[in-house]
Amino acid sequence: MEELIGYLLQFGQLNQQQIELVISKGEEKTLSKGVYFSEAGKIANHIGFVVEGVLMICYYNKKGEEIVHHFVDESHFVVDLESFNHKIASVVYIQAVTDCKLITFSYENFKKLSETIIVWDEIIHKITIKTLLDKVNVIQPKLNTDAKNRYMDFLKNYPRLANRIPLTYIASYLGITATSLSRIRKNIS
């Protein structure tokens, strides 16, 4: 729980009583590699904070191919926010790429924190804005660059992930085949 509290305190102040309330509402959970945290077609009822491991947000295109949208690693929240907030069916899958340790909050417990801690919504709003800006800064370079530069940007933006997740997921994220990615990696090594 220390990692979570440290992260939250970067975005606002919490007193000891509020910290204890956050701790009491969170639940430690482990996910084995390949297990889904949430699935398309279901309502996301939990939000997670990643203590250890990597998850991916993905969906399936009309051809049934898995498309990786982005990755979430340590010290980040993971959730389909629209599904969680509005109680609608999710359109994405959130899957553990490695074994993961999370601190999760049910919708009810997260709402209770919002109702009880005056600054909670402000802290969560700041975290949401930072996450969205980080995503834009990662996705934008992918739009107008070739595969090699997309991979170089991936290494810059996710320096701790390249050796932790399968090449097929990285290739999907980059919008290229695993064979092309292998060729690119060979040429830059």
Protein backbone atom coordinates (compact mmCIF):
# COMPACT_ATOMS: atom_id res chain seq x y z
CA MET A 1 0.00 0.00 0.00
CA GLU A 2 2.97 2.32 0.48
CA GLU A 3 3.43 2.67 -3.28
CA LEU A 4 -0.20 3.72 -3.72
CA ILE A 5 -0.15 6.24 -0.88
CA GLY A 6 3.14 7.71 -2.14
CA TYR A 7 1.63 8.05 -5.60
CA LEU A 8 -1.56 9.72 -4.35
CA LEU A 9 0.42 12.20 -2.24
CA GLN A 10 2.14 13.47 -5.41
CA PHE A 11 -1.25 14.90 -6.43
CA GLY A 12 -2.62 16.24 -3.13
CA GLN A 13 -2.50 16.12 0.64
CA LEU A 14 -4.12 13.41 2.75
CA ASN A 15 -4.07 13.32 6.53
CA GLN A 16 -3.38 10.12 8.47
CA GLN A 17 -7.08 9.34 8.96
CA GLN A 18 -7.73 9.72 5.23
CA ILE A 19 -4.73 7.54 4.40
CA GLU A 20 -6.05 4.85 6.74
CA LEU A 21 -9.45 5.05 5.04
CA VAL A 22 -7.84 4.60 1.60
CA ILE A 23 -5.89 1.60 2.91
CA SER A 24 -9.04 0.09 4.43
CA LYS A 25 -10.94 0.35 1.12
CA GLY A 26 -8.17 -1.14 -1.05
CA GLU A 27 -7.69 -4.85 -1.58
CA GLU A 28 -4.44 -6.50 -2.64
CA LYS A 29 -4.92 -8.80 -5.61
CA THR A 30 -2.62 -10.88 -7.76
CA LEU A 31 -3.21 -11.63 -11.43
CA SER A 32 -1.33 -14.37 -13.21
CA LYS A 33 0.06 -13.73 -16.67
CA GLY A 34 -2.74 -13.99 -19.25
CA VAL A 35 -5.60 -13.39 -16.80
CA TYR A 36 -8.04 -10.57 -17.53
CA PHE A 37 -8.52 -7.71 -15.07
CA SER A 38 -11.62 -6.70 -17.03
CA GLU A 39 -13.26 -7.83 -20.25
CA ALA A 40 -15.12 -6.31 -23.17
CA GLY A 41 -18.87 -6.74 -22.89
CA LYS A 42 -18.79 -6.58 -19.09
CA ILE A 43 -19.01 -3.60 -16.76
CA ALA A 44 -15.71 -2.63 -15.13
CA ASN A 45 -16.49 -2.84 -11.41
CA HIS A 46 -12.93 -2.34 -10.13
CA ILE A 47 -10.10 0.11 -10.57
CA GLY A 48 -6.56 -1.13 -9.93
CA PHE A 49 -3.25 0.42 -9.00
CA VAL A 50 -0.32 -1.58 -10.40
CA VAL A 51 2.24 -2.40 -7.71
CA GLU A 52 4.13 -4.99 -9.82
CA GLY A 53 3.77 -6.15 -13.39
CA VAL A 54 2.47 -5.04 -16.75
CA LEU A 55 -1.07 -5.08 -18.17
CA MET A 56 -2.22 -4.28 -21.68
CA ILE A 57 -5.36 -2.61 -22.93
CA CYS A 58 -6.48 -4.33 -26.12
CA TYR A 59 -9.44 -5.00 -28.36
CA TYR A 60 -10.24 -7.23 -31.33
CA ASN A 61 -10.77 -5.80 -34.81
CA LYS A 62 -13.40 -7.02 -37.29
CA LYS A 63 -10.99 -9.72 -38.52
CA GLY A 64 -10.66 -11.06 -34.97
CA GLU A 65 -7.08 -9.84 -34.61
CA GLU A 66 -5.94 -8.67 -31.20
CA ILE A 67 -4.88 -5.00 -31.28
CA VAL A 68 -2.85 -3.66 -28.37
CA HIS A 69 -3.81 -0.07 -27.57
CA HIS A 70 -1.34 0.57 -24.75
CA PHE A 71 0.44 -0.85 -21.72
CA VAL A 72 0.13 -0.03 -18.03
CA ASP A 73 3.01 -0.74 -15.66
CA GLU A 74 3.98 -0.04 -12.08
CA SER A 75 2.73 3.06 -10.27
CA HIS A 76 -0.21 3.63 -12.60
CA PHE A 77 -3.95 3.10 -12.29
CA VAL A 78 -5.64 0.70 -14.69
CA VAL A 79 -9.34 0.77 -15.57
CA ASP A 80 -11.75 1.26 -18.44
CA LEU A 81 -12.77 4.61 -17.01
CA GLU A 82 -15.90 5.07 -19.10
CA SER A 83 -17.23 1.64 -18.16
CA PHE A 84 -16.29 2.13 -14.49
CA ASN A 85 -17.78 5.63 -14.14
CA HIS A 86 -20.92 5.18 -16.24
CA LYS A 87 -21.67 1.51 -15.55
CA ILE A 88 -21.71 0.59 -19.24
CA ALA A 89 -20.24 -2.44 -20.95
CA SER A 90 -16.54 -2.12 -21.66
CA VAL A 91 -15.26 -2.21 -25.23
CA VAL A 92 -11.71 -3.23 -24.27
CA TYR A 93 -9.92 -6.06 -22.52
CA ILE A 94 -7.40 -5.41 -19.76
CA GLN A 95 -5.08 -8.40 -19.51
CA ALA A 96 -2.01 -9.19 -17.41
CA VAL A 97 1.04 -9.48 -19.68
CA THR A 98 3.20 -10.53 -16.74
CA ASP A 99 2.30 -11.77 -13.27
CA CYS A 100 0.86 -8.71 -11.51
CA LYS A 101 0.24 -7.43 -8.03
CA LEU A 102 -2.51 -4.78 -7.79
CA ILE A 103 -4.34 -2.79 -5.19
CA THR A 104 -7.96 -2.76 -6.30
CA PHE A 105 -10.98 -0.73 -5.29
CA SER A 106 -14.54 -1.75 -5.99
CA TYR A 107 -16.81 0.87 -7.50
CA GLU A 108 -18.61 1.16 -4.16
CA ASN A 109 -15.40 1.62 -2.15
CA PHE A 110 -14.01 4.14 -4.64
CA LYS A 111 -17.28 6.08 -4.44
CA LYS A 112 -17.13 5.95 -0.62
CA LEU A 113 -13.65 7.54 -0.77
CA SER A 114 -15.08 10.29 -2.98
CA GLU A 115 -17.94 10.91 -0.55
CA THR A 116 -15.70 10.89 2.55
CA ILE A 117 -12.40 12.54 1.54
CA ILE A 118 -12.94 16.16 0.51
CA VAL A 119 -9.89 16.32 -1.79
CA TRP A 120 -10.32 12.81 -3.29
CA ASP A 121 -12.05 13.92 -6.51
CA GLU A 122 -9.43 16.65 -7.03
CA ILE A 123 -6.58 14.14 -6.60
CA ILE A 124 -8.22 11.66 -8.99
CA HIS A 125 -8.90 14.45 -11.51
CA LYS A 126 -5.21 15.44 -11.49
CA ILE A 127 -4.17 11.79 -11.95
CA THR A 128 -6.66 11.39 -14.83
CA ILE A 129 -5.37 14.53 -16.58
CA LYS A 130 -1.75 13.40 -16.20
CA THR A 131 -2.61 9.94 -17.54
CA LEU A 132 -4.43 11.39 -20.56
CA LEU A 133 -1.55 13.76 -21.35
CA ASP A 134 0.95 10.91 -21.03
CA LYS A 135 -1.15 8.83 -23.44
CA VAL A 136 -1.35 11.65 -25.99
CA ASN A 137 2.41 12.14 -25.80
CA VAL A 138 2.96 8.42 -26.42
CA ILE A 139 0.35 7.93 -29.16
CA GLN A 140 0.94 11.12 -31.15
CA PRO A 141 4.44 10.18 -32.40
CA LYS A 142 3.03 6.87 -33.72
CA LEU A 143 0.79 8.67 -36.19
CA ASN A 144 3.36 9.99 -38.68
CA THR A 145 6.45 7.84 -38.29
CA ASP A 146 7.82 4.70 -39.85
CA ALA A 147 8.03 1.38 -37.99
CA LYS A 148 11.65 1.83 -36.87
CA ASN A 149 10.93 5.25 -35.35
CA ARG A 150 7.76 3.93 -33.70
CA TYR A 151 9.85 1.21 -32.08
CA MET A 152 12.50 3.75 -30.99
CA ASP A 153 9.71 5.89 -29.48
CA PHE A 154 8.36 2.79 -27.72
CA LEU A 155 11.80 2.18 -26.17
CA LYS A 156 11.96 5.81 -25.08
CA ASN A 157 8.42 5.87 -23.63
CA TYR A 158 8.46 2.37 -22.12
CA PRO A 159 12.13 1.75 -21.31
CA ARG A 160 11.34 -0.90 -18.68
CA LEU A 161 8.97 -2.93 -20.85
CA ALA A 162 10.88 -4.03 -23.94
CA ASN A 163 12.37 -7.11 -22.27
CA ARG A 164 9.36 -7.90 -20.10
CA ILE A 165 6.60 -8.45 -22.63
CA PRO A 166 6.28 -10.68 -25.70
CA LEU A 167 7.30 -9.24 -29.07
CA THR A 168 3.89 -10.04 -30.53
CA TYR A 169 2.25 -7.55 -28.13
CA ILE A 170 4.83 -4.87 -28.87
CA ALA A 171 4.39 -5.46 -32.61
CA SER A 172 0.60 -5.17 -32.29
CA TYR A 173 0.97 -1.95 -30.32
CA LEU A 174 3.26 -0.56 -33.04
CA GLY A 175 0.93 -1.69 -35.84
CA ILE A 176 3.49 -4.00 -37.47
CA THR A 177 4.09 -7.74 -37.71
CA ALA A 178 6.28 -9.59 -35.24
CA THR A 179 8.60 -10.49 -38.16
CA SER A 180 9.06 -6.82 -39.03
CA LEU A 181 9.75 -6.00 -35.41
CA SER A 182 12.36 -8.76 -35.17
CA ARG A 183 14.05 -7.34 -38.27
CA ILE A 184 14.04 -3.81 -36.82
CA ARG A 185 15.45 -5.02 -33.50
CA LYS A 186 18.20 -6.94 -35.30
CA ASN A 187 19.18 -3.88 -37.34
CA ILE A 188 19.46 -1.52 -34.39
CA SER A 189 21.31 -3.89 -32.04
